[in-house]
Amino acid sequence: LRYDYSIAKLFLFATITFGIIGLLI
């Protein structure tokens, strides 16, 4: 079975971005 991780990748980038923003503030 070939899994489609395209949405997971987008949320991974969002996790890192919001992590930096939230922690910086």
mmCIF file of all heavy atoms, coordinates in Angstrom:
data_MODEL
# 
_entry.id   MODEL 
# 
loop_
_atom_site.group_PDB 
_atom_site.id 
_atom_site.type_symbol 
_atom_site.label_atom_id 
_atom_site.label_alt_id 
_atom_site.label_comp_id 
_atom_site.label_asym_id 
_atom_site.label_entity_id 
_atom_site.label_seq_id 
_atom_site.pdbx_PDB_ins_code 
_atom_site.Cartn_x 
_atom_site.Cartn_y 
_atom_site.Cartn_z 
_atom_site.occupancy 
_atom_site.B_iso_or_equiv 
_atom_site.pdbx_formal_charge 
_atom_site.auth_seq_id 
_atom_site.auth_comp_id 
_atom_site.auth_asym_id 
_atom_site.auth_atom_id 
_atom_site.pdbx_PDB_model_num 
ATOM 1   N N   . LEU A 1 1  ? 0.835  -1.188 0.000  1.00 0.00 ? 1  LEU A N   1 
ATOM 2   C CA  . LEU A 1 1  ? 0.000  0.000  0.000  1.00 0.00 ? 1  LEU A CA  1 
ATOM 3   C C   . LEU A 1 1  ? 0.880  1.252  0.000  1.00 0.00 ? 1  LEU A C   1 
ATOM 4   O O   . LEU A 1 1  ? 1.762  1.403  0.847  1.00 0.00 ? 1  LEU A O   1 
ATOM 5   C CB  . LEU A 1 1  ? -0.899 -0.007 1.241  1.00 0.00 ? 1  LEU A CB  1 
ATOM 6   C CG  . LEU A 1 1  ? -2.039 1.007  1.288  1.00 0.00 ? 1  LEU A CG  1 
ATOM 7   C CD1 . LEU A 1 1  ? -3.003 0.788  0.131  1.00 0.00 ? 1  LEU A CD1 1 
ATOM 8   C CD2 . LEU A 1 1  ? -2.783 0.891  2.612  1.00 0.00 ? 1  LEU A CD2 1 
ATOM 9   N N   . ARG A 1 2  ? 0.661  2.144  -0.953 1.00 0.00 ? 2  ARG A N   1 
ATOM 10  C CA  . ARG A 1 2  ? 1.463  3.380  -1.048 1.00 0.00 ? 2  ARG A CA  1 
ATOM 11  C C   . ARG A 1 2  ? 0.709  4.514  -0.351 1.00 0.00 ? 2  ARG A C   1 
ATOM 12  O O   . ARG A 1 2  ? -0.345 4.951  -0.822 1.00 0.00 ? 2  ARG A O   1 
ATOM 13  C CB  . ARG A 1 2  ? 1.731  3.732  -2.506 1.00 0.00 ? 2  ARG A CB  1 
ATOM 14  C CG  . ARG A 1 2  ? 2.603  2.719  -3.218 1.00 0.00 ? 2  ARG A CG  1 
ATOM 15  C CD  . ARG A 1 2  ? 2.852  3.129  -4.667 1.00 0.00 ? 2  ARG A CD  1 
ATOM 16  N NE  . ARG A 1 2  ? 3.538  4.399  -4.750 1.00 0.00 ? 2  ARG A NE  1 
ATOM 17  C CZ  . ARG A 1 2  ? 4.874  4.525  -4.713 1.00 0.00 ? 2  ARG A CZ  1 
ATOM 18  N NH1 . ARG A 1 2  ? 5.642  3.457  -4.579 1.00 0.00 ? 2  ARG A NH1 1 
ATOM 19  N NH2 . ARG A 1 2  ? 5.436  5.711  -4.812 1.00 0.00 ? 2  ARG A NH2 1 
ATOM 20  N N   . TYR A 1 3  ? 1.253  4.964  0.744  1.00 0.00 ? 3  TYR A N   1 
ATOM 21  C CA  . TYR A 1 3  ? 0.604  6.024  1.504  1.00 0.00 ? 3  TYR A CA  1 
ATOM 22  C C   . TYR A 1 3  ? 0.885  7.386  0.879  1.00 0.00 ? 3  TYR A C   1 
ATOM 23  O O   . TYR A 1 3  ? 1.958  7.620  0.318  1.00 0.00 ? 3  TYR A O   1 
ATOM 24  C CB  . TYR A 1 3  ? 1.089  6.018  2.955  1.00 0.00 ? 3  TYR A CB  1 
ATOM 25  C CG  . TYR A 1 3  ? 0.828  4.712  3.669  1.00 0.00 ? 3  TYR A CG  1 
ATOM 26  C CD1 . TYR A 1 3  ? 1.878  3.929  4.137  1.00 0.00 ? 3  TYR A CD1 1 
ATOM 27  C CD2 . TYR A 1 3  ? -0.471 4.246  3.874  1.00 0.00 ? 3  TYR A CD2 1 
ATOM 28  C CE1 . TYR A 1 3  ? 1.652  2.732  4.782  1.00 0.00 ? 3  TYR A CE1 1 
ATOM 29  C CE2 . TYR A 1 3  ? -0.715 3.045  4.516  1.00 0.00 ? 3  TYR A CE2 1 
ATOM 30  C CZ  . TYR A 1 3  ? 0.355  2.288  4.964  1.00 0.00 ? 3  TYR A CZ  1 
ATOM 31  O OH  . TYR A 1 3  ? 0.127  1.103  5.610  1.00 0.00 ? 3  TYR A OH  1 
ATOM 32  N N   . ASP A 1 4  ? -0.079 8.278  0.986  1.00 0.00 ? 4  ASP A N   1 
ATOM 33  C CA  . ASP A 1 4  ? 0.055  9.646  0.460  1.00 0.00 ? 4  ASP A CA  1 
ATOM 34  C C   . ASP A 1 4  ? 0.303  10.588 1.642  1.00 0.00 ? 4  ASP A C   1 
ATOM 35  O O   . ASP A 1 4  ? -0.591 10.856 2.434  1.00 0.00 ? 4  ASP A O   1 
ATOM 36  C CB  . ASP A 1 4  ? -1.235 10.043 -0.274 1.00 0.00 ? 4  ASP A CB  1 
ATOM 37  C CG  . ASP A 1 4  ? -1.100 11.388 -0.988 1.00 0.00 ? 4  ASP A CG  1 
ATOM 38  O OD1 . ASP A 1 4  ? -0.325 12.249 -0.515 1.00 0.00 ? 4  ASP A OD1 1 
ATOM 39  O OD2 . ASP A 1 4  ? -1.778 11.586 -2.010 1.00 0.00 ? 4  ASP A OD2 1 
ATOM 40  N N   . TYR A 1 5  ? 1.535  11.073 1.729  1.00 0.00 ? 5  TYR A N   1 
ATOM 41  C CA  . TYR A 1 5  ? 1.931  11.901 2.873  1.00 0.00 ? 5  TYR A CA  1 
ATOM 42  C C   . TYR A 1 5  ? 1.931  13.399 2.564  1.00 0.00 ? 5  TYR A C   1 
ATOM 43  O O   . TYR A 1 5  ? 2.492  14.191 3.323  1.00 0.00 ? 5  TYR A O   1 
ATOM 44  C CB  . TYR A 1 5  ? 3.327  11.502 3.349  1.00 0.00 ? 5  TYR A CB  1 
ATOM 45  C CG  . TYR A 1 5  ? 3.410  10.108 3.924  1.00 0.00 ? 5  TYR A CG  1 
ATOM 46  C CD1 . TYR A 1 5  ? 4.445  9.250  3.542  1.00 0.00 ? 5  TYR A CD1 1 
ATOM 47  C CD2 . TYR A 1 5  ? 2.479  9.650  4.849  1.00 0.00 ? 5  TYR A CD2 1 
ATOM 48  C CE1 . TYR A 1 5  ? 4.544  7.967  4.073  1.00 0.00 ? 5  TYR A CE1 1 
ATOM 49  C CE2 . TYR A 1 5  ? 2.564  8.374  5.383  1.00 0.00 ? 5  TYR A CE2 1 
ATOM 50  C CZ  . TYR A 1 5  ? 3.604  7.541  4.987  1.00 0.00 ? 5  TYR A CZ  1 
ATOM 51  O OH  . TYR A 1 5  ? 3.698  6.278  5.521  1.00 0.00 ? 5  TYR A OH  1 
ATOM 52  N N   . SER A 1 6  ? 1.335  13.797 1.456  1.00 0.00 ? 6  SER A N   1 
ATOM 53  C CA  . SER A 1 6  ? 1.421  15.208 1.043  1.00 0.00 ? 6  SER A CA  1 
ATOM 54  C C   . SER A 1 6  ? 0.794  16.146 2.078  1.00 0.00 ? 6  SER A C   1 
ATOM 55  O O   . SER A 1 6  ? 1.328  17.236 2.351  1.00 0.00 ? 6  SER A O   1 
ATOM 56  C CB  . SER A 1 6  ? 0.746  15.401 -0.318 1.00 0.00 ? 6  SER A CB  1 
ATOM 57  O OG  . SER A 1 6  ? -0.596 14.928 -0.293 1.00 0.00 ? 6  SER A OG  1 
ATOM 58  N N   . ILE A 1 7  ? -0.314 15.746 2.684  1.00 0.00 ? 7  ILE A N   1 
ATOM 59  C CA  . ILE A 1 7  ? -0.975 16.602 3.682  1.00 0.00 ? 7  ILE A CA  1 
ATOM 60  C C   . ILE A 1 7  ? -0.175 16.598 4.983  1.00 0.00 ? 7  ILE A C   1 
ATOM 61  O O   . ILE A 1 7  ? -0.008 17.641 5.630  1.00 0.00 ? 7  ILE A O   1 
ATOM 62  C CB  . ILE A 1 7  ? -2.421 16.141 3.930  1.00 0.00 ? 7  ILE A CB  1 
ATOM 63  C CG1 . ILE A 1 7  ? -3.192 16.064 2.617  1.00 0.00 ? 7  ILE A CG1 1 
ATOM 64  C CG2 . ILE A 1 7  ? -3.131 17.087 4.898  1.00 0.00 ? 7  ILE A CG2 1 
ATOM 65  C CD1 . ILE A 1 7  ? -4.519 15.339 2.715  1.00 0.00 ? 7  ILE A CD1 1 
ATOM 66  N N   . ALA A 1 8  ? 0.348  15.442 5.363  1.00 0.00 ? 8  ALA A N   1 
ATOM 67  C CA  . ALA A 1 8  ? 1.174  15.351 6.569  1.00 0.00 ? 8  ALA A CA  1 
ATOM 68  C C   . ALA A 1 8  ? 2.391  16.264 6.459  1.00 0.00 ? 8  ALA A C   1 
ATOM 69  O O   . ALA A 1 8  ? 2.788  16.910 7.441  1.00 0.00 ? 8  ALA A O   1 
ATOM 70  C CB  . ALA A 1 8  ? 1.603  13.907 6.809  1.00 0.00 ? 8  ALA A CB  1 
ATOM 71  N N   . LYS A 1 9  ? 2.992  16.343 5.283  1.00 0.00 ? 9  LYS A N   1 
ATOM 72  C CA  . LYS A 1 9  ? 4.158  17.210 5.097  1.00 0.00 ? 9  LYS A CA  1 
ATOM 73  C C   . LYS A 1 9  ? 3.789  18.678 5.313  1.00 0.00 ? 9  LYS A C   1 
ATOM 74  O O   . LYS A 1 9  ? 4.532  19.433 5.949  1.00 0.00 ? 9  LYS A O   1 
ATOM 75  C CB  . LYS A 1 9  ? 4.724  17.027 3.684  1.00 0.00 ? 9  LYS A CB  1 
ATOM 76  C CG  . LYS A 1 9  ? 5.395  15.690 3.455  1.00 0.00 ? 9  LYS A CG  1 
ATOM 77  C CD  . LYS A 1 9  ? 5.861  15.554 2.010  1.00 0.00 ? 9  LYS A CD  1 
ATOM 78  C CE  . LYS A 1 9  ? 6.487  14.189 1.753  1.00 0.00 ? 9  LYS A CE  1 
ATOM 79  N NZ  . LYS A 1 9  ? 6.916  14.025 0.333  1.00 0.00 ? 9  LYS A NZ  1 
ATOM 80  N N   . LEU A 1 10 ? 2.635  19.092 4.796  1.00 0.00 ? 10 LEU A N   1 
ATOM 81  C CA  . LEU A 1 10 ? 2.196  20.474 4.984  1.00 0.00 ? 10 LEU A CA  1 
ATOM 82  C C   . LEU A 1 10 ? 2.004  20.794 6.465  1.00 0.00 ? 10 LEU A C   1 
ATOM 83  O O   . LEU A 1 10 ? 2.431  21.852 6.958  1.00 0.00 ? 10 LEU A O   1 
ATOM 84  C CB  . LEU A 1 10 ? 0.893  20.721 4.218  1.00 0.00 ? 10 LEU A CB  1 
ATOM 85  C CG  . LEU A 1 10 ? 0.977  20.708 2.695  1.00 0.00 ? 10 LEU A CG  1 
ATOM 86  C CD1 . LEU A 1 10 ? -0.425 20.813 2.086  1.00 0.00 ? 10 LEU A CD1 1 
ATOM 87  C CD2 . LEU A 1 10 ? 1.855  21.838 2.177  1.00 0.00 ? 10 LEU A CD2 1 
ATOM 88  N N   . PHE A 1 11 ? 1.363  19.887 7.183  1.00 0.00 ? 11 PHE A N   1 
ATOM 89  C CA  . PHE A 1 11 ? 1.149  20.128 8.613  1.00 0.00 ? 11 PHE A CA  1 
ATOM 90  C C   . PHE A 1 11 ? 2.458  20.064 9.403  1.00 0.00 ? 11 PHE A C   1 
ATOM 91  O O   . PHE A 1 11 ? 2.589  20.734 10.430 1.00 0.00 ? 11 PHE A O   1 
ATOM 92  C CB  . PHE A 1 11 ? 0.123  19.135 9.181  1.00 0.00 ? 11 PHE A CB  1 
ATOM 93  C CG  . PHE A 1 11 ? -1.298 19.586 9.006  1.00 0.00 ? 11 PHE A CG  1 
ATOM 94  C CD1 . PHE A 1 11 ? -2.134 18.968 8.093  1.00 0.00 ? 11 PHE A CD1 1 
ATOM 95  C CD2 . PHE A 1 11 ? -1.811 20.640 9.762  1.00 0.00 ? 11 PHE A CD2 1 
ATOM 96  C CE1 . PHE A 1 11 ? -3.449 19.383 7.927  1.00 0.00 ? 11 PHE A CE1 1 
ATOM 97  C CE2 . PHE A 1 11 ? -3.125 21.059 9.608  1.00 0.00 ? 11 PHE A CE2 1 
ATOM 98  C CZ  . PHE A 1 11 ? -3.950 20.439 8.689  1.00 0.00 ? 11 PHE A CZ  1 
ATOM 99  N N   . LEU A 1 12 ? 3.425  19.273 8.933  1.00 0.00 ? 12 LEU A N   1 
ATOM 100 C CA  . LEU A 1 12 ? 4.736  19.262 9.580  1.00 0.00 ? 12 LEU A CA  1 
ATOM 101 C C   . LEU A 1 12 ? 5.387  20.645 9.494  1.00 0.00 ? 12 LEU A C   1 
ATOM 102 O O   . LEU A 1 12 ? 5.905  21.166 10.493 1.00 0.00 ? 12 LEU A O   1 
ATOM 103 C CB  . LEU A 1 12 ? 5.638  18.215 8.917  1.00 0.00 ? 12 LEU A CB  1 
ATOM 104 C CG  . LEU A 1 12 ? 7.100  18.203 9.394  1.00 0.00 ? 12 LEU A CG  1 
ATOM 105 C CD1 . LEU A 1 12 ? 7.203  17.728 10.838 1.00 0.00 ? 12 LEU A CD1 1 
ATOM 106 C CD2 . LEU A 1 12 ? 7.954  17.303 8.482  1.00 0.00 ? 12 LEU A CD2 1 
ATOM 107 N N   . PHE A 1 13 ? 5.329  21.257 8.317  1.00 0.00 ? 13 PHE A N   1 
ATOM 108 C CA  . PHE A 1 13 ? 5.894  22.599 8.158  1.00 0.00 ? 13 PHE A CA  1 
ATOM 109 C C   . PHE A 1 13 ? 5.143  23.621 9.019  1.00 0.00 ? 13 PHE A C   1 
ATOM 110 O O   . PHE A 1 13 ? 5.739  24.533 9.588  1.00 0.00 ? 13 PHE A O   1 
ATOM 111 C CB  . PHE A 1 13 ? 5.862  23.020 6.680  1.00 0.00 ? 13 PHE A CB  1 
ATOM 112 C CG  . PHE A 1 13 ? 6.684  22.143 5.780  1.00 0.00 ? 13 PHE A CG  1 
ATOM 113 C CD1 . PHE A 1 13 ? 6.234  21.793 4.515  1.00 0.00 ? 13 PHE A CD1 1 
ATOM 114 C CD2 . PHE A 1 13 ? 7.908  21.640 6.200  1.00 0.00 ? 13 PHE A CD2 1 
ATOM 115 C CE1 . PHE A 1 13 ? 6.991  20.974 3.683  1.00 0.00 ? 13 PHE A CE1 1 
ATOM 116 C CE2 . PHE A 1 13 ? 8.674  20.825 5.373  1.00 0.00 ? 13 PHE A CE2 1 
ATOM 117 C CZ  . PHE A 1 13 ? 8.214  20.483 4.108  1.00 0.00 ? 13 PHE A CZ  1 
ATOM 118 N N   . ALA A 1 14 ? 3.823  23.451 9.115  1.00 0.00 ? 14 ALA A N   1 
ATOM 119 C CA  . ALA A 1 14 ? 3.023  24.348 9.955  1.00 0.00 ? 14 ALA A CA  1 
ATOM 120 C C   . ALA A 1 14 ? 3.397  24.181 11.433 1.00 0.00 ? 14 ALA A C   1 
ATOM 121 O O   . ALA A 1 14 ? 3.485  25.165 12.178 1.00 0.00 ? 14 ALA A O   1 
ATOM 122 C CB  . ALA A 1 14 ? 1.530  24.072 9.753  1.00 0.00 ? 14 ALA A CB  1 
ATOM 123 N N   . THR A 1 15 ? 3.622  22.938 11.857 1.00 0.00 ? 15 THR A N   1 
ATOM 124 C CA  . THR A 1 15 ? 4.015  22.676 13.249 1.00 0.00 ? 15 THR A CA  1 
ATOM 125 C C   . THR A 1 15 ? 5.283  23.431 13.598 1.00 0.00 ? 15 THR A C   1 
ATOM 126 O O   . THR A 1 15 ? 5.368  24.099 14.651 1.00 0.00 ? 15 THR A O   1 
ATOM 127 C CB  . THR A 1 15 ? 4.246  21.161 13.456 1.00 0.00 ? 15 THR A CB  1 
ATOM 128 O OG1 . THR A 1 15 ? 3.055  20.454 13.113 1.00 0.00 ? 15 THR A OG1 1 
ATOM 129 C CG2 . THR A 1 15 ? 4.620  20.858 14.900 1.00 0.00 ? 15 THR A CG2 1 
ATOM 130 N N   . ILE A 1 16 ? 6.276  23.338 12.739 1.00 0.00 ? 16 ILE A N   1 
ATOM 131 C CA  . ILE A 1 16 ? 7.555  24.008 12.996 1.00 0.00 ? 16 ILE A CA  1 
ATOM 132 C C   . ILE A 1 16 ? 7.388  25.519 12.979 1.00 0.00 ? 16 ILE A C   1 
ATOM 133 O O   . ILE A 1 16 ? 7.890  26.229 13.862 1.00 0.00 ? 16 ILE A O   1 
ATOM 134 C CB  . ILE A 1 16 ? 8.596  23.554 11.948 1.00 0.00 ? 16 ILE A CB  1 
ATOM 135 C CG1 . ILE A 1 16 ? 8.902  22.065 12.140 1.00 0.00 ? 16 ILE A CG1 1 
ATOM 136 C CG2 . ILE A 1 16 ? 9.864  24.389 12.053 1.00 0.00 ? 16 ILE A CG2 1 
ATOM 137 C CD1 . ILE A 1 16 ? 9.731  21.462 11.034 1.00 0.00 ? 16 ILE A CD1 1 
ATOM 138 N N   . THR A 1 17 ? 6.644  26.029 12.007 1.00 0.00 ? 17 THR A N   1 
ATOM 139 C CA  . THR A 1 17 ? 6.458  27.482 11.883 1.00 0.00 ? 17 THR A CA  1 
ATOM 140 C C   . THR A 1 17 ? 5.737  28.057 13.094 1.00 0.00 ? 17 THR A C   1 
ATOM 141 O O   . THR A 1 17 ? 6.191  29.041 13.700 1.00 0.00 ? 17 THR A O   1 
ATOM 142 C CB  . THR A 1 17 ? 5.655  27.811 10.600 1.00 0.00 ? 17 THR A CB  1 
ATOM 143 O OG1 . THR A 1 17 ? 6.352  27.287 9.464  1.00 0.00 ? 17 THR A OG1 1 
ATOM 144 C CG2 . THR A 1 17 ? 5.481  29.313 10.449 1.00 0.00 ? 17 THR A CG2 1 
ATOM 145 N N   . PHE A 1 18 ? 4.614  27.456 13.465 1.00 0.00 ? 18 PHE A N   1 
ATOM 146 C CA  . PHE A 1 18 ? 3.862  27.968 14.611 1.00 0.00 ? 18 PHE A CA  1 
ATOM 147 C C   . PHE A 1 18 ? 4.607  27.738 15.924 1.00 0.00 ? 18 PHE A C   1 
ATOM 148 O O   . PHE A 1 18 ? 4.438  28.499 16.882 1.00 0.00 ? 18 PHE A O   1 
ATOM 149 C CB  . PHE A 1 18 ? 2.469  27.342 14.660 1.00 0.00 ? 18 PHE A CB  1 
ATOM 150 C CG  . PHE A 1 18 ? 1.558  27.821 13.566 1.00 0.00 ? 18 PHE A CG  1 
ATOM 151 C CD1 . PHE A 1 18 ? 0.898  26.923 12.739 1.00 0.00 ? 18 PHE A CD1 1 
ATOM 152 C CD2 . PHE A 1 18 ? 1.365  29.182 13.349 1.00 0.00 ? 18 PHE A CD2 1 
ATOM 153 C CE1 . PHE A 1 18 ? 0.061  27.371 11.729 1.00 0.00 ? 18 PHE A CE1 1 
ATOM 154 C CE2 . PHE A 1 18 ? 0.526  29.636 12.342 1.00 0.00 ? 18 PHE A CE2 1 
ATOM 155 C CZ  . PHE A 1 18 ? -0.121 28.728 11.525 1.00 0.00 ? 18 PHE A CZ  1 
ATOM 156 N N   . GLY A 1 19 ? 5.429  26.683 15.964 1.00 0.00 ? 19 GLY A N   1 
ATOM 157 C CA  . GLY A 1 19 ? 6.254  26.469 17.142 1.00 0.00 ? 19 GLY A CA  1 
ATOM 158 C C   . GLY A 1 19 ? 7.219  27.612 17.352 1.00 0.00 ? 19 GLY A C   1 
ATOM 159 O O   . GLY A 1 19 ? 7.349  28.144 18.474 1.00 0.00 ? 19 GLY A O   1 
ATOM 160 N N   . ILE A 1 20 ? 7.896  28.021 16.302 1.00 0.00 ? 20 ILE A N   1 
ATOM 161 C CA  . ILE A 1 20 ? 8.851  29.138 16.404 1.00 0.00 ? 20 ILE A CA  1 
ATOM 162 C C   . ILE A 1 20 ? 8.125  30.431 16.766 1.00 0.00 ? 20 ILE A C   1 
ATOM 163 O O   . ILE A 1 20 ? 8.556  31.180 17.662 1.00 0.00 ? 20 ILE A O   1 
ATOM 164 C CB  . ILE A 1 20 ? 9.631  29.298 15.080 1.00 0.00 ? 20 ILE A CB  1 
ATOM 165 C CG1 . ILE A 1 20 ? 10.577 28.107 14.888 1.00 0.00 ? 20 ILE A CG1 1 
ATOM 166 C CG2 . ILE A 1 20 ? 10.418 30.609 15.075 1.00 0.00 ? 20 ILE A CG2 1 
ATOM 167 C CD1 . ILE A 1 20 ? 11.269 28.091 13.549 1.00 0.00 ? 20 ILE A CD1 1 
ATOM 168 N N   . ILE A 1 21 ? 6.997  30.709 16.095 1.00 0.00 ? 21 ILE A N   1 
ATOM 169 C CA  . ILE A 1 21 ? 6.247  31.945 16.368 1.00 0.00 ? 21 ILE A CA  1 
ATOM 170 C C   . ILE A 1 21 ? 5.744  31.967 17.807 1.00 0.00 ? 21 ILE A C   1 
ATOM 171 O O   . ILE A 1 21 ? 5.937  32.946 18.539 1.00 0.00 ? 21 ILE A O   1 
ATOM 172 C CB  . ILE A 1 21 ? 5.067  32.091 15.385 1.00 0.00 ? 21 ILE A CB  1 
ATOM 173 C CG1 . ILE A 1 21 ? 5.579  32.319 13.959 1.00 0.00 ? 21 ILE A CG1 1 
ATOM 174 C CG2 . ILE A 1 21 ? 4.152  33.253 15.811 1.00 0.00 ? 21 ILE A CG2 1 
ATOM 175 C CD1 . ILE A 1 21 ? 4.489  32.252 12.897 1.00 0.00 ? 21 ILE A CD1 1 
ATOM 176 N N   . GLY A 1 22 ? 5.082  30.882 18.229 1.00 0.00 ? 22 GLY A N   1 
ATOM 177 C CA  . GLY A 1 22 ? 4.519  30.832 19.572 1.00 0.00 ? 22 GLY A CA  1 
ATOM 178 C C   . GLY A 1 22 ? 5.580  30.937 20.651 1.00 0.00 ? 22 GLY A C   1 
ATOM 179 O O   . GLY A 1 22 ? 5.416  31.672 21.637 1.00 0.00 ? 22 GLY A O   1 
ATOM 180 N N   . LEU A 1 23 ? 6.697  30.226 20.467 1.00 0.00 ? 23 LEU A N   1 
ATOM 181 C CA  . LEU A 1 23 ? 7.766  30.262 21.464 1.00 0.00 ? 23 LEU A CA  1 
ATOM 182 C C   . LEU A 1 23 ? 8.464  31.617 21.478 1.00 0.00 ? 23 LEU A C   1 
ATOM 183 O O   . LEU A 1 23 ? 8.815  32.132 22.553 1.00 0.00 ? 23 LEU A O   1 
ATOM 184 C CB  . LEU A 1 23 ? 8.776  29.150 21.187 1.00 0.00 ? 23 LEU A CB  1 
ATOM 185 C CG  . LEU A 1 23 ? 8.289  27.721 21.453 1.00 0.00 ? 23 LEU A CG  1 
ATOM 186 C CD1 . LEU A 1 23 ? 9.308  26.702 20.935 1.00 0.00 ? 23 LEU A CD1 1 
ATOM 187 C CD2 . LEU A 1 23 ? 8.038  27.501 22.940 1.00 0.00 ? 23 LEU A CD2 1 
ATOM 188 N N   . LEU A 1 24 ? 8.683  32.207 20.310 1.00 0.00 ? 24 LEU A N   1 
ATOM 189 C CA  . LEU A 1 24 ? 9.343  33.508 20.250 1.00 0.00 ? 24 LEU A CA  1 
ATOM 190 C C   . LEU A 1 24 ? 8.531  34.570 20.983 1.00 0.00 ? 24 LEU A C   1 
ATOM 191 O O   . LEU A 1 24 ? 9.082  35.362 21.774 1.00 0.00 ? 24 LEU A O   1 
ATOM 192 C CB  . LEU A 1 24 ? 9.557  33.917 18.785 1.00 0.00 ? 24 LEU A CB  1 
ATOM 193 C CG  . LEU A 1 24 ? 10.204 35.289 18.561 1.00 0.00 ? 24 LEU A CG  1 
ATOM 194 C CD1 . LEU A 1 24 ? 11.587 35.355 19.191 1.00 0.00 ? 24 LEU A CD1 1 
ATOM 195 C CD2 . LEU A 1 24 ? 10.281 35.607 17.063 1.00 0.00 ? 24 LEU A CD2 1 
ATOM 196 N N   . ILE A 1 25 ? 7.225  34.589 20.748 1.00 0.00 ? 25 ILE A N   1 
ATOM 197 C CA  . ILE A 1 25 ? 6.373  35.554 21.445 1.00 0.00 ? 25 ILE A CA  1 
ATOM 198 C C   . ILE A 1 25 ? 6.385  35.270 22.949 1.00 0.00 ? 25 ILE A C   1 
ATOM 199 O O   . ILE A 1 25 ? 6.418  36.188 23.773 1.00 0.00 ? 25 ILE A O   1 
ATOM 200 C CB  . ILE A 1 25 ? 4.937  35.531 20.889 1.00 0.00 ? 25 ILE A CB  1 
ATOM 201 C CG1 . ILE A 1 25 ? 4.928  35.977 19.424 1.00 0.00 ? 25 ILE A CG1 1 
ATOM 202 C CG2 . ILE A 1 25 ? 4.020  36.439 21.713 1.00 0.00 ? 25 ILE A CG2 1 
ATOM 203 C CD1 . ILE A 1 25 ? 3.586  35.835 18.737 1.00 0.00 ? 25 ILE A CD1 1 
# 
